[in-house]
Amino acid sequence: MLKPTLKQTGETSTERALSKVLERCFFGLWSYTNLFTDHGKKGANTTGKELCDLLVIFGNEIIIFSDKAVDYKPTEDCRPPW
């Protein structure tokens, strides 16, 4: 017997917001939040490495979303030349 796929809503506020937006449009039917691989998994009750924050599979098309919260700190090297 097949087990149902339990859909996650996201762990961070930005992951939850992204999931909510995609649920409101037609991507909600084909999107999965916080997918993990078994790479690095230590036991039955642990998770492996996170594959992506949100994955959409629609026919032969795959869209991968990766949410990053990083502060940009400009340095001398990164300033525009003008």
Protein backbone atom coordinates (compact mmCIF):
# COMPACT_ATOMS: atom_id res chain seq x y z
CA MET A 1 0.00 0.00 0.00
CA LEU A 2 1.32 3.45 -0.90
CA LYS A 3 1.87 5.94 1.89
CA PRO A 4 0.62 9.49 1.32
CA THR A 5 3.24 12.19 0.86
CA LEU A 6 3.08 14.61 3.76
CA LYS A 7 3.74 18.13 2.56
CA GLN A 8 5.83 20.43 4.73
CA THR A 9 5.20 24.17 5.04
CA GLY A 10 8.80 25.30 5.57
CA GLU A 11 11.00 25.82 8.60
CA THR A 12 11.83 29.54 8.29
CA SER A 13 9.48 32.47 7.75
CA THR A 14 10.77 33.00 4.19
CA GLU A 15 10.36 29.30 3.34
CA ARG A 16 6.79 29.43 4.66
CA ALA A 17 6.09 32.57 2.60
CA LEU A 18 7.46 30.94 -0.56
CA SER A 19 5.42 27.80 0.07
CA LYS A 20 2.29 29.89 0.66
CA VAL A 21 2.73 31.81 -2.61
CA LEU A 22 3.15 28.59 -4.60
CA GLU A 23 0.17 26.95 -2.88
CA ARG A 24 -2.00 29.89 -3.99
CA CYS A 25 -1.07 29.43 -7.64
CA PHE A 26 -1.24 26.19 -9.59
CA PHE A 27 2.29 25.17 -8.50
CA GLY A 28 0.84 24.05 -5.17
CA LEU A 29 -0.25 20.77 -6.71
CA TRP A 30 3.31 19.90 -7.77
CA SER A 31 5.47 21.59 -5.13
CA TYR A 32 7.29 20.07 -2.17
CA THR A 33 8.97 22.05 0.62
CA ASN A 34 12.15 21.06 2.49
CA LEU A 35 13.11 17.88 0.68
CA PHE A 36 15.98 15.87 2.15
CA THR A 37 18.24 13.20 0.68
CA ASP A 38 19.52 10.21 2.63
CA HIS A 39 23.12 11.43 2.17
CA GLY A 40 24.67 11.76 5.63
CA LYS A 41 21.72 10.11 7.35
CA LYS A 42 22.81 8.46 10.62
CA GLY A 43 19.74 6.46 11.60
CA ALA A 44 16.06 5.81 11.03
CA ASN A 45 14.96 8.87 13.01
CA THR A 46 17.40 11.36 11.47
CA THR A 47 17.39 13.36 8.27
CA GLY A 48 20.11 13.59 5.66
CA LYS A 49 21.17 16.69 3.75
CA GLU A 50 18.57 19.16 2.54
CA LEU A 51 18.14 18.94 -1.24
CA CYS A 52 16.35 22.28 -1.62
CA ASP A 53 13.94 24.63 0.11
CA LEU A 54 11.19 24.03 -2.43
CA LEU A 55 10.94 21.75 -5.47
CA VAL A 56 8.33 21.93 -8.25
CA ILE A 57 7.95 18.99 -10.64
CA PHE A 58 5.59 19.52 -13.56
CA GLY A 59 5.86 16.96 -16.35
CA ASN A 60 9.45 17.03 -17.59
CA GLU A 61 10.12 20.42 -15.98
CA ILE A 62 11.80 20.87 -12.59
CA ILE A 63 12.08 24.18 -10.73
CA ILE A 64 14.39 24.32 -7.71
CA PHE A 65 14.04 27.12 -5.15
CA SER A 66 16.80 27.84 -2.65
CA ASP A 67 16.08 30.53 -0.08
CA LYS A 68 19.11 32.35 1.32
CA ALA A 69 19.17 35.00 4.03
CA VAL A 70 22.58 36.61 3.69
CA ASP A 71 23.62 40.17 4.41
CA TYR A 72 25.69 41.75 1.66
CA LYS A 73 28.67 43.66 3.01
CA PRO A 74 30.43 45.66 0.28
CA THR A 75 34.21 45.84 0.36
CA GLU A 76 36.77 47.92 -1.52
CA ASP A 77 37.08 45.17 -4.16
CA CYS A 78 33.34 45.14 -4.88
CA ARG A 79 32.72 48.83 -5.46
CA PRO A 80 31.61 49.91 -8.94
CA PRO A 81 34.40 51.40 -11.05
CA TRP A 82 32.67 54.78 -11.49
